[in-house]
Amino acid sequence: TINLTLQERSELVYGKKLYITFEGKVMHF
């Protein structure tokens, strides 16, 4: 939660379109 403002948190509601990603160094195969 420290990475988000109160406004950003309030916008995270059902149906919200998001983009996510992750780095190669954290993956398992």
Full PDB file with SEQRES, HELIX, SHEET, SSBOND, CRYST1, ORIGX, SCALE, CONECT and MASTER records, all heavy atoms in Angstrom:
SEQRES   1 A   29  THR ILE ASN LEU THR LEU GLN GLU ARG SER GLU LEU VAL          
SEQRES   2 A   29  TYR GLY LYS LYS LEU TYR ILE THR PHE GLU GLY LYS VAL          
SEQRES   3 A   29  MET HIS PHE                                                  
HELIX    1 AA1 LEU A    6  SER A   10  1                                   5    
HELIX    2 AA2 GLY A   24  VAL A   26  5                                   3    
CRYST1    1.000    1.000    1.000  90.00  90.00  90.00 P 1           1          
ORIGX1      1.000000  0.000000  0.000000        0.00000                         
ORIGX2      0.000000  1.000000  0.000000        0.00000                         
ORIGX3      0.000000  0.000000  1.000000        0.00000                         
SCALE1      1.000000  0.000000  0.000000        0.00000                         
SCALE2      0.000000  1.000000  0.000000        0.00000                         
SCALE3      0.000000  0.000000  1.000000        0.00000                         
ATOM      1  N   THR A   1       0.821  -1.211   0.000  1.00  0.00           N  
ATOM      2  CA  THR A   1       0.000   0.000   0.000  1.00  0.00           C  
ATOM      3  C   THR A   1       0.856   1.264   0.000  1.00  0.00           C  
ATOM      4  O   THR A   1       0.424   2.310  -0.487  1.00  0.00           O  
ATOM      5  CB  THR A   1      -0.938   0.015   1.222  1.00  0.00           C  
ATOM      6  OG1 THR A   1      -0.164  -0.205   2.422  1.00  0.00           O  
ATOM      7  CG2 THR A   1      -1.995  -1.059   1.108  1.00  0.00           C  
ATOM      8  N   ILE A   2       2.090   1.168   0.496  1.00  0.00           N  
ATOM      9  CA  ILE A   2       2.970   2.334   0.536  1.00  0.00           C  
ATOM     10  C   ILE A   2       3.336   2.802  -0.873  1.00  0.00           C  
ATOM     11  O   ILE A   2       3.741   3.950  -1.079  1.00  0.00           O  
ATOM     12  CB  ILE A   2       4.245   2.020   1.363  1.00  0.00           C  
ATOM     13  CG1 ILE A   2       4.953   3.318   1.762  1.00  0.00           C  
ATOM     14  CG2 ILE A   2       5.182   1.094   0.594  1.00  0.00           C  
ATOM     15  CD1 ILE A   2       6.075   3.123   2.758  1.00  0.00           C  
ATOM     16  N   ASN A   3       3.185   1.916  -1.861  1.00  0.00           N  
ATOM     17  CA  ASN A   3       3.520   2.271  -3.249  1.00  0.00           C  
ATOM     18  C   ASN A   3       2.386   3.001  -3.962  1.00  0.00           C  
ATOM     19  O   ASN A   3       2.545   3.417  -5.112  1.00  0.00           O  
ATOM     20  CB  ASN A   3       3.873   1.010  -4.046  1.00  0.00           C  
ATOM     21  CG  ASN A   3       5.172   0.375  -3.576  1.00  0.00           C  
ATOM     22  OD1 ASN A   3       5.904   0.967  -2.787  1.00  0.00           O  
ATOM     23  ND2 ASN A   3       5.447  -0.829  -4.048  1.00  0.00           N  
ATOM     24  N   LEU A   4       1.241   3.128  -3.300  1.00  0.00           N  
ATOM     25  CA  LEU A   4       0.067   3.727  -3.934  1.00  0.00           C  
ATOM     26  C   LEU A   4      -0.449   4.914  -3.133  1.00  0.00           C  
ATOM     27  O   LEU A   4      -0.405   4.911  -1.897  1.00  0.00           O  
ATOM     28  CB  LEU A   4      -1.069   2.689  -4.050  1.00  0.00           C  
ATOM     29  CG  LEU A   4      -0.769   1.408  -4.843  1.00  0.00           C  
ATOM     30  CD1 LEU A   4      -1.902   0.424  -4.654  1.00  0.00           C  
ATOM     31  CD2 LEU A   4      -0.565   1.718  -6.316  1.00  0.00           C  
ATOM     32  N   THR A   5      -0.941   5.921  -3.826  1.00  0.00           N  
ATOM     33  CA  THR A   5      -1.613   7.029  -3.149  1.00  0.00           C  
ATOM     34  C   THR A   5      -3.025   6.584  -2.771  1.00  0.00           C  
ATOM     35  O   THR A   5      -3.539   5.571  -3.274  1.00  0.00           O  
ATOM     36  CB  THR A   5      -1.699   8.254  -4.070  1.00  0.00           C  
ATOM     37  OG1 THR A   5      -2.559   7.944  -5.182  1.00  0.00           O  
ATOM     38  CG2 THR A   5      -0.321   8.659  -4.568  1.00  0.00           C  
ATOM     39  N   LEU A   6      -3.666   7.337  -1.896  1.00  0.00           N  
ATOM     40  CA  LEU A   6      -5.046   7.024  -1.514  1.00  0.00           C  
ATOM     41  C   LEU A   6      -5.961   7.059  -2.736  1.00  0.00           C  
ATOM     42  O   LEU A   6      -6.880   6.241  -2.861  1.00  0.00           O  
ATOM     43  CB  LEU A   6      -5.534   8.011  -0.448  1.00  0.00           C  
ATOM     44  CG  LEU A   6      -4.944   7.836   0.957  1.00  0.00           C  
ATOM     45  CD1 LEU A   6      -5.400   8.980   1.860  1.00  0.00           C  
ATOM     46  CD2 LEU A   6      -5.378   6.495   1.550  1.00  0.00           C  
ATOM     47  N   GLN A   7      -5.707   8.004  -3.634  1.00  0.00           N  
ATOM     48  CA  GLN A   7      -6.510   8.102  -4.851  1.00  0.00           C  
ATOM     49  C   GLN A   7      -6.352   6.849  -5.712  1.00  0.00           C  
ATOM     50  O   GLN A   7      -7.330   6.291  -6.214  1.00  0.00           O  
ATOM     51  CB  GLN A   7      -6.102   9.350  -5.645  1.00  0.00           C  
ATOM     52  CG  GLN A   7      -6.824   9.526  -6.980  1.00  0.00           C  
ATOM     53  CD  GLN A   7      -8.321   9.752  -6.811  1.00  0.00           C  
ATOM     54  OE1 GLN A   7      -8.771  10.294  -5.797  1.00  0.00           O  
ATOM     55  NE2 GLN A   7      -9.106   9.303  -7.783  1.00  0.00           N  
ATOM     56  N   GLU A   8      -5.095   6.395  -5.865  1.00  0.00           N  
ATOM     57  CA  GLU A   8      -4.839   5.192  -6.667  1.00  0.00           C  
ATOM     58  C   GLU A   8      -5.497   3.969  -6.041  1.00  0.00           C  
ATOM     59  O   GLU A   8      -6.046   3.107  -6.748  1.00  0.00           O  
ATOM     60  CB  GLU A   8      -3.329   4.973  -6.804  1.00  0.00           C  
ATOM     61  CG  GLU A   8      -2.653   5.971  -7.737  1.00  0.00           C  
ATOM     62  CD  GLU A   8      -1.153   5.873  -7.693  1.00  0.00           C  
ATOM     63  OE1 GLU A   8      -0.598   5.509  -6.624  1.00  0.00           O  
ATOM     64  OE2 GLU A   8      -0.506   6.163  -8.721  1.00  0.00           O  
ATOM     65  N   ARG A   9      -5.468   3.875  -4.725  1.00  0.00           N  
ATOM     66  CA  ARG A   9      -6.099   2.736  -4.043  1.00  0.00           C  
ATOM     67  C   ARG A   9      -7.605   2.739  -4.266  1.00  0.00           C  
ATOM     68  O   ARG A   9      -8.215   1.699  -4.484  1.00  0.00           O  
ATOM     69  CB  ARG A   9      -5.811   2.778  -2.540  1.00  0.00           C  
ATOM     70  CG  ARG A   9      -4.389   2.415  -2.170  1.00  0.00           C  
ATOM     71  CD  ARG A   9      -4.251   2.346  -0.662  1.00  0.00           C  
ATOM     72  NE  ARG A   9      -3.103   3.124  -0.196  1.00  0.00           N  
ATOM     73  CZ  ARG A   9      -2.874   3.426   1.056  1.00  0.00           C  
ATOM     74  NH1 ARG A   9      -3.710   3.037   1.997  1.00  0.00           N  
ATOM     75  NH2 ARG A   9      -1.806   4.119   1.397  1.00  0.00           N  
ATOM     76  N   SER A  10      -8.198   3.927  -4.208  1.00  0.00           N  
ATOM     77  CA  SER A  10      -9.652   4.035  -4.349  1.00  0.00           C  
ATOM     78  C   SER A  10     -10.128   3.665  -5.745  1.00  0.00           C  
ATOM     79  O   SER A  10     -11.289   3.293  -5.948  1.00  0.00           O  
ATOM     80  CB  SER A  10     -10.120   5.456  -3.994  1.00  0.00           C  
ATOM     81  OG  SER A  10      -9.657   6.389  -4.970  1.00  0.00           O  
ATOM     82  N   GLU A  11      -9.224   3.749  -6.724  1.00  0.00           N  
ATOM     83  CA  GLU A  11      -9.585   3.433  -8.113  1.00  0.00           C  
ATOM     84  C   GLU A  11      -9.486   1.941  -8.432  1.00  0.00           C  
ATOM     85  O   GLU A  11      -9.905   1.496  -9.503  1.00  0.00           O  
ATOM     86  CB  GLU A  11      -8.679   4.222  -9.068  1.00  0.00           C  
ATOM     87  CG  GLU A  11      -8.919   5.733  -9.003  1.00  0.00           C  
ATOM     88  CD  GLU A  11      -7.900   6.510  -9.813  1.00  0.00           C  
ATOM     89  OE1 GLU A  11      -6.936   5.874 -10.316  1.00  0.00           O  
ATOM     90  OE2 GLU A  11      -8.028   7.746  -9.926  1.00  0.00           O  
ATOM     91  N   LEU A  12      -8.934   1.174  -7.499  1.00  0.00           N  
ATOM     92  CA  LEU A  12      -8.784  -0.264  -7.731  1.00  0.00           C  
ATOM     93  C   LEU A  12     -10.073  -0.989  -7.348  1.00  0.00           C  
ATOM     94  O   LEU A  12     -10.212  -1.568  -6.282  1.00  0.00           O  
ATOM     95  CB  LEU A  12      -7.589  -0.804  -6.920  1.00  0.00           C  
ATOM     96  CG  LEU A  12      -6.215  -0.313  -7.398  1.00  0.00           C  
ATOM     97  CD1 LEU A  12      -5.122  -0.729  -6.430  1.00  0.00           C  
ATOM     98  CD2 LEU A  12      -5.913  -0.824  -8.812  1.00  0.00           C  
ATOM     99  N   VAL A  13     -11.032  -0.934  -8.257  1.00  0.00           N  
ATOM    100  CA  VAL A  13     -12.356  -1.501  -8.020  1.00  0.00           C  
ATOM    101  C   VAL A  13     -12.672  -2.563  -9.074  1.00  0.00           C  
ATOM    102  O   VAL A  13     -11.968  -2.704 -10.080  1.00  0.00           O  
ATOM    103  CB  VAL A  13     -13.441  -0.393  -8.052  1.00  0.00           C  
ATOM    104  CG1 VAL A  13     -13.223   0.581  -6.909  1.00  0.00           C  
ATOM    105  CG2 VAL A  13     -13.424   0.336  -9.397  1.00  0.00           C  
ATOM    106  N   TYR A  14     -13.718  -3.313  -8.833  1.00  0.00           N  
ATOM    107  CA  TYR A  14     -14.136  -4.381  -9.750  1.00  0.00           C  
ATOM    108  C   TYR A  14     -14.266  -3.863 -11.184  1.00  0.00           C  
ATOM    109  O   TYR A  14     -14.859  -2.800 -11.427  1.00  0.00           O  
ATOM    110  CB  TYR A  14     -15.476  -4.950  -9.288  1.00  0.00           C  
ATOM    111  CG  TYR A  14     -16.050  -5.991 -10.222  1.00  0.00           C  
ATOM    112  CD1 TYR A  14     -15.595  -7.301 -10.193  1.00  0.00           C  
ATOM    113  CD2 TYR A  14     -17.049  -5.651 -11.136  1.00  0.00           C  
ATOM    114  CE1 TYR A  14     -16.116  -8.255 -11.050  1.00  0.00           C  
ATOM    115  CE2 TYR A  14     -17.581  -6.602 -12.002  1.00  0.00           C  
ATOM    116  CZ  TYR A  14     -17.100  -7.895 -11.960  1.00  0.00           C  
ATOM    117  OH  TYR A  14     -17.618  -8.831 -12.814  1.00  0.00           O  
ATOM    118  N   GLY A  15     -13.679  -4.592 -12.118  1.00  0.00           N  
ATOM    119  CA  GLY A  15     -13.773  -4.218 -13.524  1.00  0.00           C  
ATOM    120  C   GLY A  15     -12.685  -3.283 -14.004  1.00  0.00           C  
ATOM    121  O   GLY A  15     -12.602  -2.983 -15.204  1.00  0.00           O  
ATOM    122  N   LYS A  16     -11.831  -2.794 -13.099  1.00  0.00           N  
ATOM    123  CA  LYS A  16     -10.751  -1.878 -13.470  1.00  0.00           C  
ATOM    124  C   LYS A  16      -9.762  -2.572 -14.416  1.00  0.00           C  
ATOM    125  O   LYS A  16      -9.310  -3.688 -14.174  1.00  0.00           O  
ATOM    126  CB  LYS A  16     -10.018  -1.415 -12.208  1.00  0.00           C  
ATOM    127  CG  LYS A  16      -8.767  -0.588 -12.443  1.00  0.00           C  
ATOM    128  CD  LYS A  16      -9.055   0.845 -12.781  1.00  0.00           C  
ATOM    129  CE  LYS A  16      -7.794   1.678 -12.827  1.00  0.00           C  
ATOM    130  NZ  LYS A  16      -8.036   3.063 -13.229  1.00  0.00           N  
ATOM    131  N   LYS A  17      -9.430  -1.916 -15.522  1.00  0.00           N  
ATOM    132  CA  LYS A  17      -8.448  -2.445 -16.470  1.00  0.00           C  
ATOM    133  C   LYS A  17      -7.046  -2.097 -15.978  1.00  0.00           C  
ATOM    134  O   LYS A  17      -6.756  -0.930 -15.678  1.00  0.00           O  
ATOM    135  CB  LYS A  17      -8.667  -1.864 -17.861  1.00  0.00           C  
ATOM    136  CG  LYS A  17     -10.040  -2.154 -18.459  1.00  0.00           C  
ATOM    137  CD  LYS A  17     -10.287  -3.654 -18.623  1.00  0.00           C  
ATOM    138  CE  LYS A  17     -11.666  -3.920 -19.219  1.00  0.00           C  
ATOM    139  NZ  LYS A  17     -11.945  -5.381 -19.323  1.00  0.00           N  
ATOM    140  N   LEU A  18      -6.194  -3.126 -15.887  1.00  0.00           N  
ATOM    141  CA  LEU A  18      -4.840  -2.944 -15.380  1.00  0.00           C  
ATOM    142  C   LEU A  18      -3.820  -3.570 -16.330  1.00  0.00           C  
ATOM    143  O   LEU A  18      -4.171  -4.387 -17.181  1.00  0.00           O  
ATOM    144  CB  LEU A  18      -4.696  -3.617 -14.001  1.00  0.00           C  
ATOM    145  CG  LEU A  18      -5.591  -3.133 -12.866  1.00  0.00           C  
ATOM    146  CD1 LEU A  18      -5.435  -4.062 -11.662  1.00  0.00           C  
ATOM    147  CD2 LEU A  18      -5.250  -1.704 -12.465  1.00  0.00           C  
ATOM    148  N   TYR A  19      -2.549  -3.198 -16.120  1.00  0.00           N  
ATOM    149  CA  TYR A  19      -1.442  -3.868 -16.784  1.00  0.00           C  
ATOM    150  C   TYR A  19      -0.461  -4.325 -15.707  1.00  0.00           C  
ATOM    151  O   TYR A  19      -0.167  -3.581 -14.762  1.00  0.00           O  
ATOM    152  CB  TYR A  19      -0.738  -2.920 -17.765  1.00  0.00           C  
ATOM    153  CG  TYR A  19      -1.558  -2.627 -18.999  1.00  0.00           C  
ATOM    154  CD1 TYR A  19      -2.465  -1.566 -19.018  1.00  0.00           C  
ATOM    155  CD2 TYR A  19      -1.437  -3.426 -20.139  1.00  0.00           C  
ATOM    156  CE1 TYR A  19      -3.238  -1.302 -20.135  1.00  0.00           C  
ATOM    157  CE2 TYR A  19      -2.201  -3.162 -21.267  1.00  0.00           C  
ATOM    158  CZ  TYR A  19      -3.099  -2.114 -21.262  1.00  0.00           C  
ATOM    159  OH  TYR A  19      -3.861  -1.871 -22.385  1.00  0.00           O  
ATOM    160  N   ILE A  20      -0.012  -5.557 -15.824  1.00  0.00           N  
ATOM    161  CA  ILE A  20       0.942  -6.097 -14.860  1.00  0.00           C  
ATOM    162  C   ILE A  20       2.153  -6.647 -15.608  1.00  0.00           C  
ATOM    163  O   ILE A  20       2.094  -6.915 -16.807  1.00  0.00           O  
ATOM    164  CB  ILE A  20       0.310  -7.224 -14.016  1.00  0.00           C  
ATOM    165  CG1 ILE A  20      -0.159  -8.377 -14.925  1.00  0.00           C  
ATOM    166  CG2 ILE A  20      -0.834  -6.693 -13.162  1.00  0.00           C  
ATOM    167  CD1 ILE A  20      -0.644  -9.605 -14.172  1.00  0.00           C  
ATOM    168  N   THR A  21       3.260  -6.821 -14.883  1.00  0.00           N  
ATOM    169  CA  THR A  21       4.449  -7.432 -15.480  1.00  0.00           C  
ATOM    170  C   THR A  21       5.313  -8.011 -14.376  1.00  0.00           C  
ATOM    171  O   THR A  21       5.031  -7.836 -13.177  1.00  0.00           O  
ATOM    172  CB  THR A  21       5.240  -6.402 -16.308  1.00  0.00           C  
ATOM    173  OG1 THR A  21       6.229  -7.100 -17.075  1.00  0.00           O  
ATOM    174  CG2 THR A  21       5.914  -5.360 -15.413  1.00  0.00           C  
ATOM    175  N   PHE A  22       6.372  -8.702 -14.772  1.00  0.00           N  
ATOM    176  CA  PHE A  22       7.335  -9.264 -13.818  1.00  0.00           C  
ATOM    177  C   PHE A  22       8.654  -9.458 -14.546  1.00  0.00           C  
ATOM    178  O   PHE A  22       8.709  -9.489 -15.777  1.00  0.00           O  
ATOM    179  CB  PHE A  22       6.833 -10.589 -13.225  1.00  0.00           C  
ATOM    180  CG  PHE A  22       6.176 -11.505 -14.224  1.00  0.00           C  
ATOM    181  CD1 PHE A  22       6.920 -12.387 -14.995  1.00  0.00           C  
ATOM    182  CD2 PHE A  22       4.796 -11.479 -14.392  1.00  0.00           C  
ATOM    183  CE1 PHE A  22       6.317 -13.220 -15.913  1.00  0.00           C  
ATOM    184  CE2 PHE A  22       4.179 -12.315 -15.307  1.00  0.00           C  
ATOM    185  CZ  PHE A  22       4.942 -13.194 -16.078  1.00  0.00           C  
ATOM    186  N   GLU A  23       9.716  -9.572 -13.770  1.00  0.00           N  
ATOM    187  CA  GLU A  23      11.058  -9.677 -14.340  1.00  0.00           C  
ATOM    188  C   GLU A  23      11.469 -11.135 -14.511  1.00  0.00           C  
ATOM    189  O   GLU A  23      10.978 -12.030 -13.814  1.00  0.00           O  
ATOM    190  CB  GLU A  23      12.069  -8.961 -13.438  1.00  0.00           C  
ATOM    191  CG  GLU A  23      11.804  -7.467 -13.298  1.00  0.00           C  
ATOM    192  CD  GLU A  23      12.827  -6.798 -12.405  1.00  0.00           C  
ATOM    193  OE1 GLU A  23      13.748  -7.486 -11.916  1.00  0.00           O  
ATOM    194  OE2 GLU A  23      12.715  -5.570 -12.193  1.00  0.00           O  
ATOM    195  N   GLY A  24      12.406 -11.366 -15.424  1.00  0.00           N  
ATOM    196  CA  GLY A  24      12.882 -12.716 -15.680  1.00  0.00           C  
ATOM    197  C   GLY A  24      13.540 -13.363 -14.477  1.00  0.00           C  
ATOM    198  O   GLY A  24      13.489 -14.581 -14.307  1.00  0.00           O  
ATOM    199  N   LYS A  25      14.149 -12.553 -13.624  1.00  0.00           N  
ATOM    200  CA  LYS A  25      14.907 -13.118 -12.506  1.00  0.00           C  
ATOM    201  C   LYS A  25      14.033 -13.705 -11.408  1.00  0.00           C  
ATOM    202  O   LYS A  25      14.540 -14.385 -10.509  1.00  0.00           O  
ATOM    203  CB  LYS A  25      15.831 -12.048 -11.909  1.00  0.00           C  
ATOM    204  CG  LYS A  25      15.099 -10.887 -11.263  1.00  0.00           C  
ATOM    205  CD  LYS A  25      16.088  -9.842 -10.751  1.00  0.00           C  
ATOM    206  CE  LYS A  25      15.373  -8.664 -10.100  1.00  0.00           C  
ATOM    207  NZ  LYS A  25      16.329  -7.636  -9.645  1.00  0.00           N  
ATOM    208  N   VAL A  26      12.707 -13.479 -11.451  1.00  0.00           N  
ATOM    209  CA  VAL A  26      11.824 -13.989 -10.403  1.00  0.00           C  
ATOM    210  C   VAL A  26      10.992 -15.182 -10.875  1.00  0.00           C  
ATOM    211  O   VAL A  26      10.180 -15.703 -10.122  1.00  0.00           O  
ATOM    212  CB  VAL A  26      10.873 -12.884  -9.893  1.00  0.00           C  
ATOM    213  CG1 VAL A  26      11.655 -11.704  -9.351  1.00  0.00           C  
ATOM    214  CG2 VAL A  26       9.893 -12.433 -10.982  1.00  0.00           C  
ATOM    215  N   MET A  27      11.214 -15.633 -12.096  1.00  0.00           N  
ATOM    216  CA  MET A  27      10.363 -16.675 -12.655  1.00  0.00           C  
ATOM    217  C   MET A  27      10.861 -18.082 -12.302  1.00  0.00           C  
ATOM    218  O   MET A  27      12.042 -18.295 -12.058  1.00  0.00           O  
ATOM    219  CB  MET A  27      10.278 -16.527 -14.177  1.00  0.00           C  
ATOM    220  CG  MET A  27       9.610 -15.230 -14.628  1.00  0.00           C  
ATOM    221  SD  MET A  27       9.325 -15.152 -16.416  1.00  0.00           S  
ATOM    222  CE  MET A  27      10.991 -14.950 -17.033  1.00  0.00           C  
ATOM    223  N   HIS A  28       9.920 -19.031 -12.308  1.00  0.00           N  
ATOM    224  CA  HIS A  28      10.221 -20.445 -12.105  1.00  0.00           C  
ATOM    225  C   HIS A  28       9.654 -21.211 -13.306  1.00  0.00           C  
ATOM    226  O   HIS A  28       8.573 -20.879 -13.809  1.00  0.00           O  
ATOM    227  CB  HIS A  28       9.594 -20.956 -10.812  1.00  0.00           C  
ATOM    228  CG  HIS A  28      10.023 -20.183  -9.599  1.00  0.00           C  
ATOM    229  ND1 HIS A  28      11.071 -20.575  -8.792  1.00  0.00           N  
ATOM    230  CD2 HIS A  28       9.538 -19.039  -9.052  1.00  0.00           C  
ATOM    231  CE1 HIS A  28      11.225 -19.710  -7.817  1.00  0.00           C  
ATOM    232  NE2 HIS A  28      10.308 -18.758  -7.940  1.00  0.00           N  
ATOM    233  N   PHE A  29      10.362 -22.255 -13.720  1.00  0.00           N  
ATOM    234  CA  PHE A  29      10.006 -22.952 -14.960  1.00  0.00           C  
ATOM    235  C   PHE A  29       9.802 -24.442 -14.684  1.00  0.00           C  
ATOM    236  O   PHE A  29      10.712 -25.111 -14.190  1.00  0.00           O  
ATOM    237  CB  PHE A  29      11.112 -22.754 -15.993  1.00  0.00           C  
ATOM    238  CG  PHE A  29      11.574 -21.329 -16.109  1.00  0.00           C  
ATOM    239  CD1 PHE A  29      12.625 -20.872 -15.314  1.00  0.00           C  
ATOM    240  CD2 PHE A  29      10.963 -20.445 -16.969  1.00  0.00           C  
ATOM    241  CE1 PHE A  29      13.048 -19.550 -15.398  1.00  0.00           C  
ATOM    242  CE2 PHE A  29      11.380 -19.127 -17.067  1.00  0.00           C  
ATOM    243  CZ  PHE A  29      12.421 -18.673 -16.275  1.00  0.00           C  
TER     244      PHE A  29                                                      
MASTER        0    0    0    2    0    0    0    6  243    1    0    3          
END                                                                             
